[in-house]
Amino acid sequence: DDIARALDAAESVGDDRIQKRATGKT
Protein backbone atom coordinates (compact mmCIF):
# COMPACT_ATOMS: atom_id res chain seq x y z
CA ASP A 1 0.00 0.00 0.00
CA ASP A 2 2.90 2.38 0.72
CA ILE A 3 4.35 1.78 -2.75
CA ALA A 4 0.92 2.14 -4.34
CA ARG A 5 0.47 5.51 -2.63
CA ALA A 6 3.88 6.68 -3.84
CA LEU A 7 2.94 5.68 -7.40
CA ASP A 8 -0.40 7.43 -7.01
CA ALA A 9 1.37 10.59 -5.82
CA ALA A 10 3.73 10.45 -8.81
CA GLU A 11 0.78 10.03 -11.14
CA SER A 12 -1.15 12.88 -9.54
CA VAL A 13 1.57 15.42 -10.38
CA GLY A 14 1.88 14.44 -14.04
CA ASP A 15 1.47 17.41 -16.37
CA ASP A 16 -1.30 15.76 -18.38
CA ARG A 17 -3.35 14.96 -15.30
CA ILE A 18 -2.94 18.50 -13.92
CA GLN A 19 -3.95 20.03 -17.24
CA LYS A 20 -6.90 17.72 -17.80
CA ARG A 21 -8.16 18.25 -14.27
CA ALA A 22 -8.01 22.02 -14.75
CA THR A 23 -9.15 22.43 -18.38
CA GLY A 24 -10.32 19.07 -19.69
CA LYS A 25 -7.50 18.85 -22.23
CA THR A 26 -3.71 18.48 -22.40
PDB file of all heavy atoms in Angstrom:
ATOM      1  N   ASP A   1       0.832  -1.205   0.000  1.00  0.00           N
ATOM      2  CA  ASP A   1       0.000   0.000   0.000  1.00  0.00           C
ATOM      3  C   ASP A   1       0.866   1.254   0.000  1.00  0.00           C
ATOM      4  O   ASP A   1       0.523   2.247  -0.658  1.00  0.00           O
ATOM      5  CB  ASP A   1      -0.923   0.005   1.219  1.00  0.00           C
ATOM      6  CG  ASP A   1      -1.846   1.222   1.248  1.00  0.00           C
ATOM      7  OD1 ASP A   1      -2.700   1.331   0.353  1.00  0.00           O
ATOM      8  OD2 ASP A   1      -1.684   2.075   2.149  1.00  0.00           O
ATOM      9  N   ASP A   2       1.986   1.234   0.726  1.00  0.00           N
ATOM     10  CA  ASP A   2       2.900   2.379   0.719  1.00  0.00           C
ATOM     11  C   ASP A   2       3.397   2.655  -0.701  1.00  0.00           C
ATOM     12  O   ASP A   2       3.404   3.804  -1.161  1.00  0.00           O
ATOM     13  CB  ASP A   2       4.100   2.121   1.632  1.00  0.00           C
ATOM     14  CG  ASP A   2       3.754   2.154   3.110  1.00  0.00           C
ATOM     15  OD1 ASP A   2       2.910   2.974   3.504  1.00  0.00           O
ATOM     16  OD2 ASP A   2       4.328   1.348   3.863  1.00  0.00           O
ATOM     17  N   ILE A   3       3.836   1.615  -1.390  1.00  0.00           N
ATOM     18  CA  ILE A   3       4.351   1.784  -2.748  1.00  0.00           C
ATOM     19  C   ILE A   3       3.248   2.265  -3.676  1.00  0.00           C
ATOM     20  O   ILE A   3       3.465   3.142  -4.532  1.00  0.00           O
ATOM     21  CB  ILE A   3       4.952   0.471  -3.281  1.00  0.00           C
ATOM     22  CG1 ILE A   3       6.056  -0.038  -2.338  1.00  0.00           C
ATOM     23  CG2 ILE A   3       5.485   0.662  -4.687  1.00  0.00           C
ATOM     24  CD1 ILE A   3       7.166   0.963  -2.075  1.00  0.00           C
ATOM     25  N   ALA A   4       2.049   1.721  -3.509  1.00  0.00           N
ATOM     26  CA  ALA A   4       0.924   2.143  -4.338  1.00  0.00           C
ATOM     27  C   ALA A   4       0.617   3.625  -4.139  1.00  0.00           C
ATOM     28  O   ALA A   4       0.295   4.339  -5.095  1.00  0.00           O
ATOM     29  CB  ALA A   4      -0.317   1.306  -4.015  1.00  0.00           C
ATOM     30  N   ARG A   5       0.743   4.097  -2.907  1.00  0.00           N
ATOM     31  CA  ARG A   5       0.472   5.510  -2.635  1.00  0.00           C
ATOM     32  C   ARG A   5       1.569   6.410  -3.204  1.00  0.00           C
ATOM     33  O   ARG A   5       1.295   7.540  -3.631  1.00  0.00           O
ATOM     34  CB  ARG A   5       0.304   5.737  -1.136  1.00  0.00           C
ATOM     35  CG  ARG A   5      -1.020   5.212  -0.597  1.00  0.00           C
ATOM     36  CD  ARG A   5      -1.117   5.294   0.906  1.00  0.00           C
ATOM     37  NE  ARG A   5      -2.391   4.765   1.375  1.00  0.00           N
ATOM     38  CZ  ARG A   5      -3.477   5.504   1.600  1.00  0.00           C
ATOM     39  NH1 ARG A   5      -3.421   6.817   1.403  1.00  0.00           N
ATOM     40  NH2 ARG A   5      -4.593   4.961   2.008  1.00  0.00           N
ATOM     41  N   ALA A   6       2.795   5.922  -3.206  1.00  0.00           N
ATOM     42  CA  ALA A   6       3.876   6.683  -3.842  1.00  0.00           C
ATOM     43  C   ALA A   6       3.627   6.779  -5.345  1.00  0.00           C
ATOM     44  O   ALA A   6       3.773   7.858  -5.946  1.00  0.00           O
ATOM     45  CB  ALA A   6       5.220   6.029  -3.563  1.00  0.00           C
ATOM     46  N   LEU A   7       3.233   5.669  -5.969  1.00  0.00           N
ATOM     47  CA  LEU A   7       2.939   5.685  -7.396  1.00  0.00           C
ATOM     48  C   LEU A   7       1.754   6.591  -7.692  1.00  0.00           C
ATOM     49  O   LEU A   7       1.750   7.322  -8.696  1.00  0.00           O
ATOM     50  CB  LEU A   7       2.653   4.259  -7.881  1.00  0.00           C
ATOM     51  CG  LEU A   7       3.859   3.327  -7.948  1.00  0.00           C
ATOM     52  CD1 LEU A   7       3.409   1.873  -8.133  1.00  0.00           C
ATOM     53  CD2 LEU A   7       4.787   3.736  -9.087  1.00  0.00           C
ATOM     54  N   ASP A   8       0.767   6.560  -6.836  1.00  0.00           N
ATOM     55  CA  ASP A   8      -0.397   7.428  -7.009  1.00  0.00           C
ATOM     56  C   ASP A   8       0.001   8.898  -6.903  1.00  0.00           C
ATOM     57  O   ASP A   8      -0.475   9.736  -7.670  1.00  0.00           O
ATOM     58  CB  ASP A   8      -1.447   7.092  -5.946  1.00  0.00           C
ATOM     59  CG  ASP A   8      -2.619   8.053  -5.973  1.00  0.00           C
ATOM     60  OD1 ASP A   8      -3.429   7.952  -6.911  1.00  0.00           O
ATOM     61  OD2 ASP A   8      -2.710   8.914  -5.068  1.00  0.00           O
ATOM     62  N   ALA A   9       0.900   9.213  -5.956  1.00  0.00           N
ATOM     63  CA  ALA A   9       1.368  10.595  -5.824  1.00  0.00           C
ATOM     64  C   ALA A   9       2.134  11.026  -7.066  1.00  0.00           C
ATOM     65  O   ALA A   9       1.958  12.145  -7.567  1.00  0.00           O
ATOM     66  CB  ALA A   9       2.249  10.730  -4.582  1.00  0.00           C
ATOM     67  N   ALA A  10       2.983  10.135  -7.594  1.00  0.00           N
ATOM     68  CA  ALA A  10       3.728  10.448  -8.811  1.00  0.00           C
ATOM     69  C   ALA A  10       2.778  10.695  -9.976  1.00  0.00           C
ATOM     70  O   ALA A  10       2.966  11.633 -10.764  1.00  0.00           O
ATOM     71  CB  ALA A  10       4.693   9.309  -9.137  1.00  0.00           C
ATOM     72  N   GLU A  11       1.756   9.866 -10.070  1.00  0.00           N
ATOM     73  CA  GLU A  11       0.777  10.025 -11.141  1.00  0.00           C
ATOM     74  C   GLU A  11       0.002  11.328 -10.997  1.00  0.00           C
ATOM     75  O   GLU A  11      -0.287  12.017 -11.983  1.00  0.00           O
ATOM     76  CB  GLU A  11      -0.187   8.838 -11.139  1.00  0.00           C
ATOM     77  CG  GLU A  11      -1.199   8.855 -12.270  1.00  0.00           C
ATOM     78  CD  GLU A  11      -2.100   7.634 -12.249  1.00  0.00           C
ATOM     79  OE1 GLU A  11      -2.246   7.027 -11.180  1.00  0.00           O
ATOM     80  OE2 GLU A  11      -2.648   7.291 -13.312  1.00  0.00           O
ATOM     81  N   SER A  12      -0.309  11.705  -9.771  1.00  0.00           N
ATOM     82  CA  SER A  12      -1.153  12.885  -9.537  1.00  0.00           C
ATOM     83  C   SER A  12      -0.479  14.181  -9.960  1.00  0.00           C
ATOM     84  O   SER A  12      -1.158  15.172 -10.243  1.00  0.00           O
ATOM     85  CB  SER A  12      -1.547  12.967  -8.051  1.00  0.00           C
ATOM     86  OG  SER A  12      -0.462  13.401  -7.249  1.00  0.00           O
ATOM     87  N   VAL A  13       0.865  14.192 -10.005  1.00  0.00           N
ATOM     88  CA  VAL A  13       1.566  15.417 -10.379  1.00  0.00           C
ATOM     89  C   VAL A  13       2.096  15.356 -11.810  1.00  0.00           C
ATOM     90  O   VAL A  13       2.979  16.130 -12.190  1.00  0.00           O
ATOM     91  CB  VAL A  13       2.718  15.731  -9.393  1.00  0.00           C
ATOM     92  CG1 VAL A  13       2.159  16.175  -8.059  1.00  0.00           C
ATOM     93  CG2 VAL A  13       3.649  14.538  -9.204  1.00  0.00           C
ATOM     94  N   GLY A  14       1.548  14.451 -12.623  1.00  0.00           N
ATOM     95  CA  GLY A  14       1.876  14.441 -14.043  1.00  0.00           C
ATOM     96  C   GLY A  14       1.258  15.648 -14.729  1.00  0.00           C
ATOM     97  O   GLY A  14       0.134  16.064 -14.408  1.00  0.00           O
ATOM     98  N   ASP A  15       1.960  16.219 -15.690  1.00  0.00           N
ATOM     99  CA  ASP A  15       1.469  17.413 -16.375  1.00  0.00           C
ATOM    100  C   ASP A  15       0.119  17.180 -17.047  1.00  0.00           C
ATOM    101  O   ASP A  15      -0.768  18.046 -17.004  1.00  0.00           O
ATOM    102  CB  ASP A  15       2.476  17.858 -17.441  1.00  0.00           C
ATOM    103  CG  ASP A  15       3.735  18.464 -16.854  1.00  0.00           C
ATOM    104  OD1 ASP A  15       3.667  18.996 -15.737  1.00  0.00           O
ATOM    105  OD2 ASP A  15       4.783  18.413 -17.518  1.00  0.00           O
ATOM    106  N   ASP A  16      -0.042  16.018 -17.681  1.00  0.00           N
ATOM    107  CA  ASP A  16      -1.299  15.763 -18.382  1.00  0.00           C
ATOM    108  C   ASP A  16      -2.471  15.690 -17.423  1.00  0.00           C
ATOM    109  O   ASP A  16      -3.557  16.229 -17.701  1.00  0.00           O
ATOM    110  CB  ASP A  16      -1.199  14.484 -19.217  1.00  0.00           C
ATOM    111  CG  ASP A  16      -0.775  13.264 -18.414  1.00  0.00           C
ATOM    112  OD1 ASP A  16      -0.173  13.416 -17.319  1.00  0.00           O
ATOM    113  OD2 ASP A  16      -1.031  12.126 -18.875  1.00  0.00           O
ATOM    114  N   ARG A  17      -2.251  15.074 -16.268  1.00  0.00           N
ATOM    115  CA  ARG A  17      -3.346  14.965 -15.300  1.00  0.00           C
ATOM    116  C   ARG A  17      -3.685  16.334 -14.722  1.00  0.00           C
ATOM    117  O   ARG A  17      -4.868  16.653 -14.543  1.00  0.00           O
ATOM    118  CB  ARG A  17      -2.967  13.990 -14.184  1.00  0.00           C
ATOM    119  CG  ARG A  17      -4.027  13.865 -13.107  1.00  0.00           C
ATOM    120  CD  ARG A  17      -3.844  12.608 -12.298  1.00  0.00           C
ATOM    121  NE  ARG A  17      -4.586  12.641 -11.054  1.00  0.00           N
ATOM    122  CZ  ARG A  17      -4.659  11.636 -10.194  1.00  0.00           C
ATOM    123  NH1 ARG A  17      -4.020  10.503 -10.460  1.00  0.00           N
ATOM    124  NH2 ARG A  17      -5.342  11.740  -9.083  1.00  0.00           N
ATOM    125  N   ILE A  18      -2.685  17.153 -14.442  1.00  0.00           N
ATOM    126  CA  ILE A  18      -2.937  18.505 -13.923  1.00  0.00           C
ATOM    127  C   ILE A  18      -3.716  19.314 -14.948  1.00  0.00           C
ATOM    128  O   ILE A  18      -4.717  19.971 -14.623  1.00  0.00           O
ATOM    129  CB  ILE A  18      -1.607  19.204 -13.577  1.00  0.00           C
ATOM    130  CG1 ILE A  18      -0.946  18.540 -12.371  1.00  0.00           C
ATOM    131  CG2 ILE A  18      -1.836  20.693 -13.289  1.00  0.00           C
ATOM    132  CD1 ILE A  18       0.449  19.049 -12.083  1.00  0.00           C
ATOM    133  N   GLN A  19      -3.282  19.266 -16.199  1.00  0.00           N
ATOM    134  CA  GLN A  19      -3.953  20.033 -17.240  1.00  0.00           C
ATOM    135  C   GLN A  19      -5.386  19.563 -17.455  1.00  0.00           C
ATOM    136  O   GLN A  19      -6.314  20.384 -17.569  1.00  0.00           O
ATOM    137  CB  GLN A  19      -3.165  19.936 -18.544  1.00  0.00           C
ATOM    138  CG  GLN A  19      -1.858  20.700 -18.541  1.00  0.00           C
ATOM    139  CD  GLN A  19      -1.108  20.542 -19.859  1.00  0.00           C
ATOM    140  OE1 GLN A  19      -1.224  19.524 -20.532  1.00  0.00           O
ATOM    141  NE2 GLN A  19      -0.344  21.557 -20.219  1.00  0.00           N
ATOM    142  N   LYS A  20      -5.565  18.243 -17.529  1.00  0.00           N
ATOM    143  CA  LYS A  20      -6.903  17.723 -17.796  1.00  0.00           C
ATOM    144  C   LYS A  20      -7.852  18.019 -16.645  1.00  0.00           C
ATOM    145  O   LYS A  20      -9.028  18.317 -16.858  1.00  0.00           O
ATOM    146  CB  LYS A  20      -6.830  16.218 -18.059  1.00  0.00           C
ATOM    147  CG  LYS A  20      -8.107  15.662 -18.666  1.00  0.00           C
ATOM    148  CD  LYS A  20      -7.873  14.306 -19.292  1.00  0.00           C
ATOM    149  CE  LYS A  20      -9.122  13.834 -20.027  1.00  0.00           C
ATOM    150  NZ  LYS A  20      -8.899  12.529 -20.692  1.00  0.00           N
ATOM    151  N   ARG A  21      -7.330  17.959 -15.428  1.00  0.00           N
ATOM    152  CA  ARG A  21      -8.160  18.252 -14.266  1.00  0.00           C
ATOM    153  C   ARG A  21      -8.597  19.717 -14.276  1.00  0.00           C
ATOM    154  O   ARG A  21      -9.702  20.053 -13.866  1.00  0.00           O
ATOM    155  CB  ARG A  21      -7.385  17.940 -12.979  1.00  0.00           C
ATOM    156  CG  ARG A  21      -8.219  17.970 -11.706  1.00  0.00           C
ATOM    157  CD  ARG A  21      -7.360  17.560 -10.512  1.00  0.00           C
ATOM    158  NE  ARG A  21      -8.108  17.582  -9.278  1.00  0.00           N
ATOM    159  CZ  ARG A  21      -8.764  16.552  -8.780  1.00  0.00           C
ATOM    160  NH1 ARG A  21      -8.765  15.403  -9.429  1.00  0.00           N
ATOM    161  NH2 ARG A  21      -9.420  16.655  -7.633  1.00  0.00           N
ATOM    162  N   ALA A  22      -7.718  20.593 -14.765  1.00  0.00           N
ATOM    163  CA  ALA A  22      -8.008  22.024 -14.747  1.00  0.00           C
ATOM    164  C   ALA A  22      -8.803  22.492 -15.960  1.00  0.00           C
ATOM    165  O   ALA A  22      -9.644  23.393 -15.837  1.00  0.00           O
ATOM    166  CB  ALA A  22      -6.700  22.809 -14.658  1.00  0.00           C
ATOM    167  N   THR A  23      -8.539  21.905 -17.145  1.00  0.00           N
ATOM    168  CA  THR A  23      -9.146  22.426 -18.378  1.00  0.00           C
ATOM    169  C   THR A  23      -9.870  21.389 -19.209  1.00  0.00           C
ATOM    170  O   THR A  23     -10.556  21.735 -20.170  1.00  0.00           O
ATOM    171  CB  THR A  23      -8.066  23.064 -19.280  1.00  0.00           C
ATOM    172  OG1 THR A  23      -7.203  22.034 -19.787  1.00  0.00           O
ATOM    173  CG2 THR A  23      -7.250  24.088 -18.511  1.00  0.00           C
ATOM    174  N   GLY A  24      -9.693  20.118 -18.895  1.00  0.00           N
ATOM    175  CA  GLY A  24     -10.320  19.075 -19.687  1.00  0.00           C
ATOM    176  C   GLY A  24      -9.517  18.645 -20.891  1.00  0.00           C
ATOM    177  O   GLY A  24      -9.949  17.766 -21.650  1.00  0.00           O
ATOM    178  N   LYS A  25      -8.340  19.225 -21.097  1.00  0.00           N
ATOM    179  CA  LYS A  25      -7.497  18.846 -22.229  1.00  0.00           C
ATOM    180  C   LYS A  25      -6.031  18.966 -21.845  1.00  0.00           C
ATOM    181  O   LYS A  25      -5.694  19.515 -20.790  1.00  0.00           O
ATOM    182  CB  LYS A  25      -7.794  19.722 -23.438  1.00  0.00           C
ATOM    183  CG  LYS A  25      -7.629  21.196 -23.186  1.00  0.00           C
ATOM    184  CD  LYS A  25      -8.064  22.010 -24.405  1.00  0.00           C
ATOM    185  CE  LYS A  25      -7.920  23.510 -24.153  1.00  0.00           C
ATOM    186  NZ  LYS A  25      -8.360  24.301 -25.327  1.00  0.00           N
ATOM    187  N   THR A  26      -5.147  18.435 -22.695  1.00  0.00           N
ATOM    188  CA  THR A  26      -3.715  18.481 -22.400  1.00  0.00           C
ATOM    189  C   THR A  26      -2.972  19.167 -23.540  1.00  0.00           C
ATOM    190  O   THR A  26      -3.418  19.152 -24.691  1.00  0.00           O
ATOM    191  CB  THR A  26      -3.137  17.065 -22.207  1.00  0.00           C
ATOM    192  OG1 THR A  26      -3.243  16.341 -23.439  1.00  0.00           O
ATOM    193  CG2 THR A  26      -3.868  16.326 -21.095  1.00  0.00           C
TER     194      THR A  26
END
